Amino acid sequence: MRGAGFDERLEAAIKIVREVLGEEPEWASQTELLTIRNWYAIRNEIAHGDPPTQLFDVPPVIYLADAIGTALERVLGAIQS
């Protein structure tokens, strides 16, 4: 997946949560995915040396990162048990 684009990796993560946990991730709604994709675009600009071109509300991103991290922990727990 290293060579895959961000959207492809994101869709793979959603599919893994669905298949392993048997549920839709809370962070996979269209609204939440738009927030994730917008944040990634801004982060990507900055990571490649460009100045940020827009402001972004950070607390929702932290909430979503926490929710994704929790899903990862649950998937790993399910796989390891």
PDB file of N, CA and C in Angstrom:
ATOM      1  N   MET A   1       0.812  -1.204   0.000  1.00  0.00           N
ATOM      2  CA  MET A   1       0.000   0.000   0.000  1.00  0.00           C
ATOM      3  C   MET A   1       0.855   1.267   0.000  1.00  0.00           C
ATOM      4  N   ARG A   2       2.146   1.138   0.216  1.00  0.00           N
ATOM      5  CA  ARG A   2       2.990   2.346   0.270  1.00  0.00           C
ATOM      6  C   ARG A   2       2.908   3.168  -1.014  1.00  0.00           C
ATOM      7  N   GLY A   3       2.816   2.511  -2.133  1.00  0.00           N
ATOM      8  CA  GLY A   3       2.749   3.229  -3.405  1.00  0.00           C
ATOM      9  C   GLY A   3       1.353   3.711  -3.759  1.00  0.00           C
ATOM     10  N   ALA A   4       0.369   3.327  -2.967  1.00  0.00           N
ATOM     11  CA  ALA A   4      -1.022   3.698  -3.247  1.00  0.00           C
ATOM     12  C   ALA A   4      -1.276   5.149  -2.855  1.00  0.00           C
ATOM     13  N   GLY A   5      -2.219   5.757  -3.525  1.00  0.00           N
ATOM     14  CA  GLY A   5      -2.622   7.111  -3.176  1.00  0.00           C
ATOM     15  C   GLY A   5      -3.400   7.138  -1.869  1.00  0.00           C
ATOM     16  N   PHE A   6      -3.545   8.336  -1.329  1.00  0.00           N
ATOM     17  CA  PHE A   6      -4.213   8.484  -0.037  1.00  0.00           C
ATOM     18  C   PHE A   6      -5.635   7.932  -0.064  1.00  0.00           C
ATOM     19  N   ASP A   7      -6.400   8.253  -1.095  1.00  0.00           N
ATOM     20  CA  ASP A   7      -7.787   7.773  -1.157  1.00  0.00           C
ATOM     21  C   ASP A   7      -7.860   6.247  -1.185  1.00  0.00           C
ATOM     22  N   GLU A   8      -6.945   5.632  -1.903  1.00  0.00           N
ATOM     23  CA  GLU A   8      -6.922   4.169  -1.969  1.00  0.00           C
ATOM     24  C   GLU A   8      -6.597   3.571  -0.591  1.00  0.00           C
ATOM     25  N   ARG A   9      -5.648   4.162   0.120  1.00  0.00           N
ATOM     26  CA  ARG A   9      -5.309   3.683   1.466  1.00  0.00           C
ATOM     27  C   ARG A   9      -6.474   3.894   2.423  1.00  0.00           C
ATOM     28  N   LEU A  10      -7.153   5.027   2.296  1.00  0.00           N
ATOM     29  CA  LEU A  10      -8.294   5.313   3.161  1.00  0.00           C
ATOM     30  C   LEU A  10      -9.420   4.314   2.919  1.00  0.00           C
ATOM     31  N   GLU A  11      -9.721   4.045   1.665  1.00  0.00           N
ATOM     32  CA  GLU A  11     -10.770   3.069   1.339  1.00  0.00           C
ATOM     33  C   GLU A  11     -10.396   1.670   1.819  1.00  0.00           C
ATOM     34  N   ALA A  12      -9.118   1.315   1.744  1.00  0.00           N
ATOM     35  CA  ALA A  12      -8.666   0.009   2.249  1.00  0.00           C
ATOM     36  C   ALA A  12      -8.870  -0.079   3.760  1.00  0.00           C
ATOM     37  N   ALA A  13      -8.571   0.994   4.468  1.00  0.00           N
ATOM     38  CA  ALA A  13      -8.767   1.008   5.923  1.00  0.00           C
ATOM     39  C   ALA A  13     -10.238   0.811   6.276  1.00  0.00           C
ATOM     40  N   ILE A  14     -11.113   1.474   5.543  1.00  0.00           N
ATOM     41  CA  ILE A  14     -12.554   1.329   5.787  1.00  0.00           C
ATOM     42  C   ILE A  14     -12.984  -0.113   5.534  1.00  0.00           C
ATOM     43  N   LYS A  15     -12.512  -0.685   4.440  1.00  0.00           N
ATOM     44  CA  LYS A  15     -12.866  -2.065   4.090  1.00  0.00           C
ATOM     45  C   LYS A  15     -12.377  -3.039   5.164  1.00  0.00           C
ATOM     46  N   ILE A  16     -11.185  -2.836   5.669  1.00  0.00           N
ATOM     47  CA  ILE A  16     -10.646  -3.721   6.719  1.00  0.00           C
ATOM     48  C   ILE A  16     -11.502  -3.642   7.971  1.00  0.00           C
ATOM     49  N   VAL A  17     -11.878  -2.436   8.384  1.00  0.00           N
ATOM     50  CA  VAL A  17     -12.729  -2.295   9.572  1.00  0.00           C
ATOM     51  C   VAL A  17     -14.058  -3.003   9.344  1.00  0.00           C
ATOM     52  N   ARG A  18     -14.655  -2.809   8.187  1.00  0.00           N
ATOM     53  CA  ARG A  18     -15.929  -3.467   7.879  1.00  0.00           C
ATOM     54  C   ARG A  18     -15.800  -4.989   7.960  1.00  0.00           C
ATOM     55  N   GLU A  19     -14.752  -5.522   7.339  1.00  0.00           N
ATOM     56  CA  GLU A  19     -14.606  -6.975   7.258  1.00  0.00           C
ATOM     57  C   GLU A  19     -14.197  -7.606   8.585  1.00  0.00           C
ATOM     58  N   VAL A  20     -13.320  -6.961   9.319  1.00  0.00           N
ATOM     59  CA  VAL A  20     -12.834  -7.545  10.572  1.00  0.00           C
ATOM     60  C   VAL A  20     -13.825  -7.335  11.708  1.00  0.00           C
ATOM     61  N   LEU A  21     -14.367  -6.128  11.818  1.00  0.00           N
ATOM     62  CA  LEU A  21     -15.258  -5.818  12.937  1.00  0.00           C
ATOM     63  C   LEU A  21     -16.729  -5.994  12.590  1.00  0.00           C
ATOM     64  N   GLY A  22     -17.046  -6.099  11.300  1.00  0.00           N
ATOM     65  CA  GLY A  22     -18.429  -6.276  10.894  1.00  0.00           C
ATOM     66  C   GLY A  22     -19.298  -5.055  11.106  1.00  0.00           C
ATOM     67  N   GLU A  23     -18.692  -3.892  11.048  1.00  0.00           N
ATOM     68  CA  GLU A  23     -19.454  -2.650  11.240  1.00  0.00           C
ATOM     69  C   GLU A  23     -18.835  -1.527  10.421  1.00  0.00           C
ATOM     70  N   GLU A  24     -19.631  -0.521  10.182  1.00  0.00           N
ATOM     71  CA  GLU A  24     -19.177   0.662   9.461  1.00  0.00           C
ATOM     72  C   GLU A  24     -18.405   1.558  10.435  1.00  0.00           C
ATOM     73  N   PRO A  25     -17.197   1.977  10.073  1.00  0.00           N
ATOM     74  CA  PRO A  25     -16.469   2.886  10.955  1.00  0.00           C
ATOM     75  C   PRO A  25     -17.234   4.197  11.137  1.00  0.00           C
ATOM     76  N   GLU A  26     -17.252   4.718  12.345  1.00  0.00           N
ATOM     77  CA  GLU A  26     -17.958   5.978  12.606  1.00  0.00           C
ATOM     78  C   GLU A  26     -17.359   7.136  11.815  1.00  0.00           C
ATOM     79  N   TRP A  27     -16.112   7.008  11.419  1.00  0.00           N
ATOM     80  CA  TRP A  27     -15.423   8.068  10.699  1.00  0.00           C
ATOM     81  C   TRP A  27     -15.515   7.903   9.179  1.00  0.00           C
ATOM     82  N   ALA A  28     -16.370   6.993   8.716  1.00  0.00           N
ATOM     83  CA  ALA A  28     -16.467   6.730   7.282  1.00  0.00           C
ATOM     84  C   ALA A  28     -17.671   7.392   6.616  1.00  0.00           C
ATOM     85  N   SER A  29     -18.336   8.296   7.299  1.00  0.00           N
ATOM     86  CA  SER A  29     -19.448   9.003   6.651  1.00  0.00           C
ATOM     87  C   SER A  29     -18.878   9.984   5.630  1.00  0.00           C
ATOM     88  N   GLN A  30     -19.684  10.387   4.692  1.00  0.00           N
ATOM     89  CA  GLN A  30     -19.219  11.309   3.655  1.00  0.00           C
ATOM     90  C   GLN A  30     -18.692  12.614   4.248  1.00  0.00           C
ATOM     91  N   THR A  31     -19.353  13.118   5.289  1.00  0.00           N
ATOM     92  CA  THR A  31     -18.917  14.360   5.930  1.00  0.00           C
ATOM     93  C   THR A  31     -17.556  14.192   6.574  1.00  0.00           C
ATOM     94  N   GLU A  32     -17.374  13.094   7.303  1.00  0.00           N
ATOM     95  CA  GLU A  32     -16.099  12.852   7.978  1.00  0.00           C
ATOM     96  C   GLU A  32     -14.991  12.597   6.966  1.00  0.00           C
ATOM     97  N   LEU A  33     -15.293  11.857   5.902  1.00  0.00           N
ATOM     98  CA  LEU A  33     -14.283  11.599   4.882  1.00  0.00           C
ATOM     99  C   LEU A  33     -13.870  12.886   4.174  1.00  0.00           C
ATOM    100  N   LEU A  34     -14.795  13.799   3.977  1.00  0.00           N
ATOM    101  CA  LEU A  34     -14.455  15.087   3.383  1.00  0.00           C
ATOM    102  C   LEU A  34     -13.487  15.844   4.290  1.00  0.00           C
ATOM    103  N   THR A  35     -13.743  15.820   5.597  1.00  0.00           N
ATOM    104  CA  THR A  35     -12.851  16.469   6.560  1.00  0.00           C
ATOM    105  C   THR A  35     -11.461  15.836   6.497  1.00  0.00           C
ATOM    106  N   ILE A  36     -11.412  14.512   6.467  1.00  0.00           N
ATOM    107  CA  ILE A  36     -10.129  13.799   6.413  1.00  0.00           C
ATOM    108  C   ILE A  36      -9.381  14.153   5.130  1.00  0.00           C
ATOM    109  N   ARG A  37     -10.074  14.124   4.010  1.00  0.00           N
ATOM    110  CA  ARG A  37      -9.421  14.416   2.729  1.00  0.00           C
ATOM    111  C   ARG A  37      -8.948  15.869   2.647  1.00  0.00           C
ATOM    112  N   ASN A  38      -9.737  16.801   3.164  1.00  0.00           N
ATOM    113  CA  ASN A  38      -9.338  18.213   3.171  1.00  0.00           C
ATOM    114  C   ASN A  38      -8.103  18.417   4.043  1.00  0.00           C
ATOM    115  N   TRP A  39      -8.107  17.779   5.223  1.00  0.00           N
ATOM    116  CA  TRP A  39      -6.949  17.885   6.099  1.00  0.00           C
ATOM    117  C   TRP A  39      -5.713  17.318   5.400  1.00  0.00           C
ATOM    118  N   TYR A  40      -5.854  16.171   4.754  1.00  0.00           N
ATOM    119  CA  TYR A  40      -4.715  15.543   4.097  1.00  0.00           C
ATOM    120  C   TYR A  40      -4.154  16.452   3.010  1.00  0.00           C
ATOM    121  N   ALA A  41      -5.010  17.094   2.249  1.00  0.00           N
ATOM    122  CA  ALA A  41      -4.546  17.990   1.181  1.00  0.00           C
ATOM    123  C   ALA A  41      -3.726  19.140   1.769  1.00  0.00           C
ATOM    124  N   ILE A  42      -4.197  19.716   2.871  1.00  0.00           N
ATOM    125  CA  ILE A  42      -3.464  20.812   3.525  1.00  0.00           C
ATOM    126  C   ILE A  42      -2.149  20.288   4.100  1.00  0.00           C
ATOM    127  N   ARG A  43      -2.207  19.155   4.776  1.00  0.00           N
ATOM    128  CA  ARG A  43      -1.018  18.554   5.382  1.00  0.00           C
ATOM    129  C   ARG A  43       0.014  18.233   4.308  1.00  0.00           C
ATOM    130  N   ASN A  44      -0.454  17.734   3.172  1.00  0.00           N
ATOM    131  CA  ASN A  44       0.424  17.352   2.084  1.00  0.00           C
ATOM    132  C   ASN A  44       1.161  18.570   1.524  1.00  0.00           C
ATOM    133  N   GLU A  45       0.466  19.690   1.376  1.00  0.00           N
ATOM    134  CA  GLU A  45       1.111  20.920   0.903  1.00  0.00           C
ATOM    135  C   GLU A  45       2.238  21.322   1.848  1.00  0.00           C
ATOM    136  N   ILE A  46       1.935  21.335   3.118  1.00  0.00           N
ATOM    137  CA  ILE A  46       2.917  21.759   4.121  1.00  0.00           C
ATOM    138  C   ILE A  46       4.091  20.778   4.163  1.00  0.00           C
ATOM    139  N   ALA A  47       3.801  19.477   4.101  1.00  0.00           N
ATOM    140  CA  ALA A  47       4.850  18.461   4.165  1.00  0.00           C
ATOM    141  C   ALA A  47       5.811  18.561   2.983  1.00  0.00           C
ATOM    142  N   HIS A  48       5.344  19.107   1.877  1.00  0.00           N
ATOM    143  CA  HIS A  48       6.193  19.249   0.696  1.00  0.00           C
ATOM    144  C   HIS A  48       6.755  20.663   0.552  1.00  0.00           C
ATOM    145  N   GLY A  49       6.721  21.415   1.644  1.00  0.00           N
ATOM    146  CA  GLY A  49       7.385  22.710   1.672  1.00  0.00           C
ATOM    147  C   GLY A  49       6.567  23.900   1.247  1.00  0.00           C
ATOM    148  N   ASP A  50       5.303  23.691   0.901  1.00  0.00           N
ATOM    149  CA  ASP A  50       4.467  24.822   0.508  1.00  0.00           C
ATOM    150  C   ASP A  50       3.836  25.435   1.755  1.00  0.00           C
ATOM    151  N   PRO A  51       3.618  26.737   1.743  1.00  0.00           N
ATOM    152  CA  PRO A  51       2.916  27.343   2.869  1.00  0.00           C
ATOM    153  C   PRO A  51       1.438  26.948   2.817  1.00  0.00           C
ATOM    154  N   PRO A  52       0.795  26.882   3.965  1.00  0.00           N
ATOM    155  CA  PRO A  52      -0.639  26.550   3.938  1.00  0.00           C
ATOM    156  C   PRO A  52      -1.409  27.613   3.152  1.00  0.00           C
ATOM    157  N   THR A  53      -2.378  27.160   2.362  1.00  0.00           N
ATOM    158  CA  THR A  53      -3.156  28.088   1.533  1.00  0.00           C
ATOM    159  C   THR A  53      -4.535  28.368   2.115  1.00  0.00           C
ATOM    160  N   GLN A  54      -4.875  27.661   3.197  1.00  0.00           N
ATOM    161  CA  GLN A  54      -6.183  27.878   3.817  1.00  0.00           C
ATOM    162  C   GLN A  54      -6.114  27.512   5.288  1.00  0.00           C
ATOM    163  N   LEU A  55      -7.043  28.062   6.051  1.00  0.00           N
ATOM    164  CA  LEU A  55      -7.140  27.735   7.468  1.00  0.00           C
ATOM    165  C   LEU A  55      -7.905  26.431   7.628  1.00  0.00           C
ATOM    166  N   PHE A  56      -7.696  25.769   8.762  1.00  0.00           N
ATOM    167  CA  PHE A  56      -8.388  24.516   9.000  1.00  0.00           C
ATOM    168  C   PHE A  56      -8.718  24.406  10.473  1.00  0.00           C
ATOM    169  N   ASP A  57      -9.911  23.906  10.772  1.00  0.00           N
ATOM    170  CA  ASP A  57     -10.369  23.689  12.141  1.00  0.00           C
ATOM    171  C   ASP A  57      -9.742  22.388  12.656  1.00  0.00           C
ATOM    172  N   VAL A  58      -8.789  22.486  13.548  1.00  0.00           N
ATOM    173  CA  VAL A  58      -7.993  21.339  13.976  1.00  0.00           C
ATOM    174  C   VAL A  58      -8.724  20.368  14.911  1.00  0.00           C
ATOM    175  N   PRO A  59      -9.531  20.805  15.886  1.00  0.00           N
ATOM    176  CA  PRO A  59     -10.152  19.831  16.798  1.00  0.00           C
ATOM    177  C   PRO A  59     -10.914  18.691  16.128  1.00  0.00           C
ATOM    178  N   PRO A  60     -11.690  18.928  15.064  1.00  0.00           N
ATOM    179  CA  PRO A  60     -12.343  17.788  14.412  1.00  0.00           C
ATOM    180  C   PRO A  60     -11.343  16.777  13.838  1.00  0.00           C
ATOM    181  N   VAL A  61     -10.198  17.255  13.373  1.00  0.00           N
ATOM    182  CA  VAL A  61      -9.182  16.357  12.830  1.00  0.00           C
ATOM    183  C   VAL A  61      -8.607  15.494  13.946  1.00  0.00           C
ATOM    184  N   ILE A  62      -8.377  16.086  15.105  1.00  0.00           N
ATOM    185  CA  ILE A  62      -7.865  15.321  16.247  1.00  0.00           C
ATOM    186  C   ILE A  62      -8.893  14.282  16.670  1.00  0.00           C
ATOM    187  N   TYR A  63     -10.160  14.653  16.701  1.00  0.00           N
ATOM    188  CA  TYR A  63     -11.221  13.702  17.044  1.00  0.00           C
ATOM    189  C   TYR A  63     -11.237  12.535  16.054  1.00  0.00           C
ATOM    190  N   LEU A  64     -11.153  12.836  14.769  1.00  0.00           N
ATOM    191  CA  LEU A  64     -11.168  11.782  13.757  1.00  0.00           C
ATOM    192  C   LEU A  64      -9.919  10.904  13.846  1.00  0.00           C
ATOM    193  N   ALA A  65      -8.767  11.514  14.092  1.00  0.00           N
ATOM    194  CA  ALA A  65      -7.536  10.722  14.248  1.00  0.00           C
ATOM    195  C   ALA A  65      -7.667   9.770  15.428  1.00  0.00           C
ATOM    196  N   ASP A  66      -8.272  10.235  16.507  1.00  0.00           N
ATOM    197  CA  ASP A  66      -8.489   9.375  17.673  1.00  0.00           C
ATOM    198  C   ASP A  66      -9.450   8.235  17.327  1.00  0.00           C
ATOM    199  N   ALA A  67     -10.514   8.542  16.605  1.00  0.00           N
ATOM    200  CA  ALA A  67     -11.484   7.508  16.216  1.00  0.00           C
ATOM    201  C   ALA A  67     -10.840   6.472  15.292  1.00  0.00           C
ATOM    202  N   ILE A  68      -9.999   6.914  14.369  1.00  0.00           N
ATOM    203  CA  ILE A  68      -9.307   5.992  13.473  1.00  0.00           C
ATOM    204  C   ILE A  68      -8.319   5.141  14.275  1.00  0.00           C
ATOM    205  N   GLY A  69      -7.613   5.754  15.215  1.00  0.00           N
ATOM    206  CA  GLY A  69      -6.696   5.004  16.067  1.00  0.00           C
ATOM    207  C   GLY A  69      -7.411   3.960  16.905  1.00  0.00           C
ATOM    208  N   THR A  70      -8.575   4.303  17.418  1.00  0.00           N
ATOM    209  CA  THR A  70      -9.375   3.349  18.190  1.00  0.00           C
ATOM    210  C   THR A  70      -9.817   2.186  17.315  1.00  0.00           C
ATOM    211  N   ALA A  71     -10.225   2.480  16.090  1.00  0.00           N
ATOM    212  CA  ALA A  71     -10.620   1.414  15.156  1.00  0.00           C
ATOM    213  C   ALA A  71      -9.434   0.493  14.878  1.00  0.00           C
ATOM    214  N   LEU A  72      -8.258   1.078  14.701  1.00  0.00           N
ATOM    215  CA  LEU A  72      -7.057   0.269  14.466  1.00  0.00           C
ATOM    216  C   LEU A  72      -6.799  -0.658  15.656  1.00  0.00           C
ATOM    217  N   GLU A  73      -6.886  -0.131  16.865  1.00  0.00           N
ATOM    218  CA  GLU A  73      -6.689  -0.954  18.069  1.00  0.00           C
ATOM    219  C   GLU A  73      -7.695  -2.099  18.126  1.00  0.00           C
ATOM    220  N   ARG A  74      -8.938  -1.811  17.781  1.00  0.00           N
ATOM    221  CA  ARG A  74      -9.964  -2.849  17.793  1.00  0.00           C
ATOM    222  C   ARG A  74      -9.706  -3.909  16.726  1.00  0.00           C
ATOM    223  N   VAL A  75      -9.283  -3.496  15.547  1.00  0.00           N
ATOM    224  CA  VAL A  75      -8.970  -4.446  14.468  1.00  0.00           C
ATOM    225  C   VAL A  75      -7.791  -5.327  14.889  1.00  0.00           C
ATOM    226  N   LEU A  76      -6.745  -4.711  15.421  1.00  0.00           N
ATOM    227  CA  LEU A  76      -5.594  -5.498  15.864  1.00  0.00           C
ATOM    228  C   LEU A  76      -5.965  -6.475  16.966  1.00  0.00           C
ATOM    229  N   GLY A  77      -6.812  -6.029  17.888  1.00  0.00           N
ATOM    230  CA  GLY A  77      -7.286  -6.920  18.950  1.00  0.00           C
ATOM    231  C   GLY A  77      -8.060  -8.097  18.399  1.00  0.00           C
ATOM    232  N   ALA A  78      -8.899  -7.843  17.417  1.00  0.00           N
ATOM    233  CA  ALA A  78      -9.692  -8.913  16.817  1.00  0.00           C
ATOM    234  C   ALA A  78      -8.816  -9.899  16.051  1.00  0.00           C
ATOM    235  N   ILE A  79      -7.806  -9.400  15.368  1.00  0.00           N
ATOM    236  CA  ILE A  79      -6.928 -10.248  14.589  1.00  0.00           C
ATOM    237  C   ILE A  79      -6.040 -11.103  15.509  1.00  0.00           C
ATOM    238  N   GLN A  80      -5.604 -10.515  16.593  1.00  0.00           N
ATOM    239  CA  GLN A  80      -4.680 -11.214  17.495  1.00  0.00           C
ATOM    240  C   GLN A  80      -5.366 -12.210  18.427  1.00  0.00           C
ATOM    241  N   SER A  81      -6.683 -12.129  18.537  1.00  0.00           N
ATOM    242  CA  SER A  81      -7.362 -13.048  19.456  1.00  0.00           C
ATOM    243  C   SER A  81      -7.816 -14.320  18.778  1.00  0.00           C
TER     244      SER A  81
END
